[in-house]
Amino acid sequence: MISNRFVLLLSCLVLLTASCGKDESPTDDFSAIKKSWVTGSWKQQDILLAVSTTVSLPNGTRLPLQAGSSMINDPTINALLGALFGGNPFVATRDNRYHFKGDESYEIAGASDFILPGIATQGAWKLEVYDAVVALYPSADKRHPYWVNAMTATQLDLSLTLNFPGLGAVPLKLVLEKE
């Protein structure tokens, strides 16, 4: 004969097993929120120098540059780029638009070749590395990852590194605002 304790234990196990269905984790919910934040149309607000540094000019002058300085609007940077390259190539990017669609495709309108070389004007995008990277795929065999510095529903800041002849790798921050 089956004891009452055994029936009670068996009932508890059945209830416990039935209540342990797969629940959506908070991480999955947050990933969906971040994807919805990225999805949409963005206007470039600025490109900022990511670190403070000192640049030595060919004439021996040392020029200090501060993190957060605009690569488009800062007069010192404009003068430096004008002296080194005959003009500021960042100015052409001022009106860039980035469209990240819900189907994980993207389109870029504007002069993006200089700041995002090799990404083309359209392709696929994904959030990767625990949603800390926006990866752009201009084709199936090419991946261009950009670390996320900050992300909200209305602002997206991405890390860029550009190589300048005579200066080396320059870390930058691409600041986008949702339209």
Protein backbone atom coordinates (compact mmCIF):
# COMPACT_ATOMS: atom_id res chain seq x y z
CA MET A 1 0.00 0.00 0.00
CA ILE A 2 1.26 3.48 -0.82
CA SER A 3 1.89 5.73 2.15
CA ASN A 4 0.51 9.25 2.47
CA ARG A 5 4.05 10.62 2.63
CA PHE A 6 4.92 9.04 -0.71
CA VAL A 7 1.77 10.48 -2.33
CA LEU A 8 2.57 13.92 -0.87
CA LEU A 9 6.18 13.75 -2.09
CA LEU A 10 5.10 12.60 -5.55
CA SER A 11 2.53 15.42 -5.75
CA CYS A 12 5.15 18.01 -4.80
CA LEU A 13 7.55 16.72 -7.46
CA VAL A 14 4.85 16.84 -10.14
CA LEU A 15 3.89 20.41 -9.18
CA LEU A 16 7.53 21.52 -9.05
CA THR A 17 8.30 20.00 -12.44
CA ALA A 18 5.19 21.52 -14.03
CA SER A 19 6.01 24.98 -12.72
CA CYS A 20 9.59 24.95 -14.00
CA GLY A 21 8.82 25.83 -17.61
CA LYS A 22 11.30 27.95 -19.56
CA ASP A 23 10.75 31.60 -18.75
CA GLU A 24 12.18 34.41 -20.83
CA SER A 25 15.26 35.72 -19.08
CA PRO A 26 15.65 39.42 -18.26
CA THR A 27 18.73 39.39 -20.52
CA ASP A 28 16.57 38.38 -23.51
CA ASP A 29 14.14 41.20 -22.71
CA PHE A 30 16.96 43.74 -22.45
CA SER A 31 18.49 42.55 -25.74
CA ALA A 32 15.11 43.09 -27.45
CA ILE A 33 14.92 46.59 -25.95
CA LYS A 34 18.42 47.44 -27.17
CA LYS A 35 17.61 46.13 -30.65
CA SER A 36 14.50 48.35 -30.70
CA TRP A 37 16.65 51.30 -29.64
CA VAL A 38 19.08 50.76 -32.54
CA THR A 39 16.30 50.18 -35.07
CA GLY A 40 15.33 53.42 -36.80
CA SER A 41 16.82 56.45 -38.54
CA TRP A 42 19.77 58.30 -37.07
CA LYS A 43 21.44 61.61 -37.94
CA GLN A 44 25.11 62.13 -37.25
CA GLN A 45 25.51 64.81 -34.58
CA ASP A 46 29.29 64.87 -34.40
CA ILE A 47 32.53 62.93 -34.40
CA LEU A 48 34.57 63.50 -31.25
CA LEU A 49 38.18 62.85 -30.36
CA ALA A 50 38.02 59.99 -27.84
CA VAL A 51 41.29 60.70 -25.98
CA SER A 52 43.43 63.69 -25.09
CA THR A 53 46.73 63.79 -26.93
CA THR A 54 49.48 66.06 -28.18
CA VAL A 55 50.32 66.21 -31.89
CA SER A 56 53.73 67.30 -33.11
CA LEU A 57 53.54 69.37 -36.27
CA PRO A 58 56.24 69.20 -38.98
CA ASN A 59 57.57 72.61 -37.82
CA GLY A 60 58.17 71.22 -34.30
CA THR A 61 55.13 72.85 -32.69
CA ARG A 62 53.36 70.62 -30.16
CA LEU A 63 49.58 70.96 -30.31
CA PRO A 64 47.52 69.67 -27.34
CA LEU A 65 44.10 68.21 -28.24
CA GLN A 66 41.39 67.45 -25.67
CA ALA A 67 39.14 64.39 -25.54
CA GLY A 68 35.63 65.36 -26.60
CA SER A 69 36.83 67.92 -29.17
CA SER A 70 34.71 67.97 -32.33
CA MET A 71 36.51 66.67 -35.40
CA ILE A 72 34.14 68.83 -37.46
CA ASN A 73 33.76 72.09 -35.51
CA ASP A 74 36.87 72.51 -33.32
CA PRO A 75 38.98 75.34 -34.79
CA THR A 76 42.27 73.82 -33.60
CA ILE A 77 41.47 70.47 -35.20
CA ASN A 78 40.30 72.22 -38.39
CA ALA A 79 43.61 74.10 -38.56
CA LEU A 80 45.62 70.92 -37.89
CA LEU A 81 43.78 68.88 -40.53
CA GLY A 82 44.01 71.78 -42.96
CA ALA A 83 47.78 72.00 -42.45
CA LEU A 84 48.34 68.25 -42.67
CA PHE A 85 45.83 67.27 -45.37
CA GLY A 86 44.77 70.49 -47.10
CA GLY A 87 41.33 70.46 -45.49
CA ASN A 88 39.13 68.75 -42.94
CA PRO A 89 37.73 65.49 -44.39
CA PHE A 90 35.27 65.16 -41.47
CA VAL A 91 33.23 68.16 -42.67
CA ALA A 92 31.84 66.07 -45.56
CA THR A 93 30.25 63.68 -43.02
CA ARG A 94 28.23 66.39 -41.26
CA ASP A 95 24.85 65.34 -42.75
CA ASN A 96 25.29 61.56 -42.72
CA ARG A 97 22.18 59.49 -42.02
CA TYR A 98 22.13 55.90 -40.78
CA HIS A 99 19.04 53.70 -41.18
CA PHE A 100 19.02 50.49 -39.12
CA LYS A 101 15.95 48.51 -40.13
CA GLY A 102 14.00 45.99 -38.06
CA ASP A 103 14.95 43.20 -40.48
CA GLU A 104 18.62 43.85 -39.50
CA SER A 105 19.56 45.55 -42.75
CA TYR A 106 21.10 49.02 -42.93
CA GLU A 107 21.43 51.88 -45.36
CA ILE A 108 23.78 54.83 -45.06
CA ALA A 109 23.28 58.13 -46.85
CA GLY A 110 26.17 60.57 -46.97
CA ALA A 111 29.95 60.55 -46.99
CA SER A 112 30.73 57.50 -44.88
CA ASP A 113 33.71 56.09 -46.81
CA PHE A 114 36.21 58.17 -44.85
CA ILE A 115 35.01 57.39 -41.32
CA LEU A 116 33.68 53.85 -41.95
CA PRO A 117 35.89 52.48 -44.73
CA GLY A 118 34.68 49.31 -46.37
CA ILE A 119 31.13 49.20 -44.99
CA ALA A 120 29.39 50.24 -48.24
CA THR A 121 26.07 52.07 -48.23
CA GLN A 122 23.98 49.02 -47.37
CA GLY A 123 24.23 45.63 -45.77
CA ALA A 124 23.21 43.80 -42.60
CA TRP A 125 23.66 44.78 -38.94
CA LYS A 126 23.63 42.85 -35.66
CA LEU A 127 24.09 43.55 -31.99
CA GLU A 128 26.86 41.27 -30.73
CA VAL A 129 29.05 40.62 -27.68
CA TYR A 130 26.26 41.04 -25.11
CA ASP A 131 24.85 43.95 -27.13
CA ALA A 132 28.07 45.96 -26.69
CA VAL A 133 28.97 45.90 -30.40
CA VAL A 134 27.10 47.03 -33.49
CA ALA A 135 28.52 44.87 -36.26
CA LEU A 136 27.99 45.93 -39.87
CA TYR A 137 28.09 43.32 -42.62
CA PRO A 138 28.36 44.92 -46.08
CA SER A 139 28.55 41.35 -47.43
CA ALA A 140 28.34 37.87 -45.96
CA ASP A 141 32.14 37.56 -45.70
CA LYS A 142 32.92 41.04 -44.29
CA ARG A 143 32.32 42.12 -40.69
CA HIS A 144 33.02 45.59 -39.28
CA PRO A 145 32.46 45.77 -35.49
CA TYR A 146 31.99 49.07 -33.64
CA TRP A 147 31.95 49.14 -29.83
CA VAL A 148 28.99 50.91 -28.26
CA ASN A 149 30.08 53.71 -25.91
CA ALA A 150 26.51 54.69 -25.01
CA MET A 151 23.05 53.64 -26.14
CA THR A 152 19.59 54.96 -25.32
CA ALA A 153 16.36 55.16 -27.29
CA THR A 154 17.52 58.52 -28.73
CA GLN A 155 21.34 58.46 -28.72
CA LEU A 156 23.92 56.00 -30.04
CA ASP A 157 27.67 56.57 -29.60
CA LEU A 158 30.03 54.21 -31.43
CA SER A 159 33.82 53.86 -31.21
CA LEU A 160 35.84 54.33 -34.38
CA THR A 161 39.56 54.20 -35.03
CA LEU A 162 40.96 55.93 -38.11
CA ASN A 163 44.53 55.69 -39.35
CA PHE A 164 45.98 59.03 -40.45
CA PRO A 165 49.22 59.14 -42.42
CA GLY A 166 51.85 60.70 -40.19
CA LEU A 167 49.64 60.58 -37.07
CA GLY A 168 48.77 56.90 -36.65
CA ALA A 169 45.58 55.40 -35.25
CA VAL A 170 43.19 58.01 -33.85
CA PRO A 171 40.37 56.83 -31.54
CA LEU A 172 37.08 58.64 -32.19
CA LYS A 173 33.46 58.60 -31.08
CA LEU A 174 30.65 58.76 -33.66
CA VAL A 175 27.64 60.48 -32.03
CA LEU A 176 24.25 59.69 -33.57
CA GLU A 177 20.84 61.08 -32.61
CA LYS A 178 17.58 59.36 -33.51
CA GLU A 179 15.40 61.27 -35.95
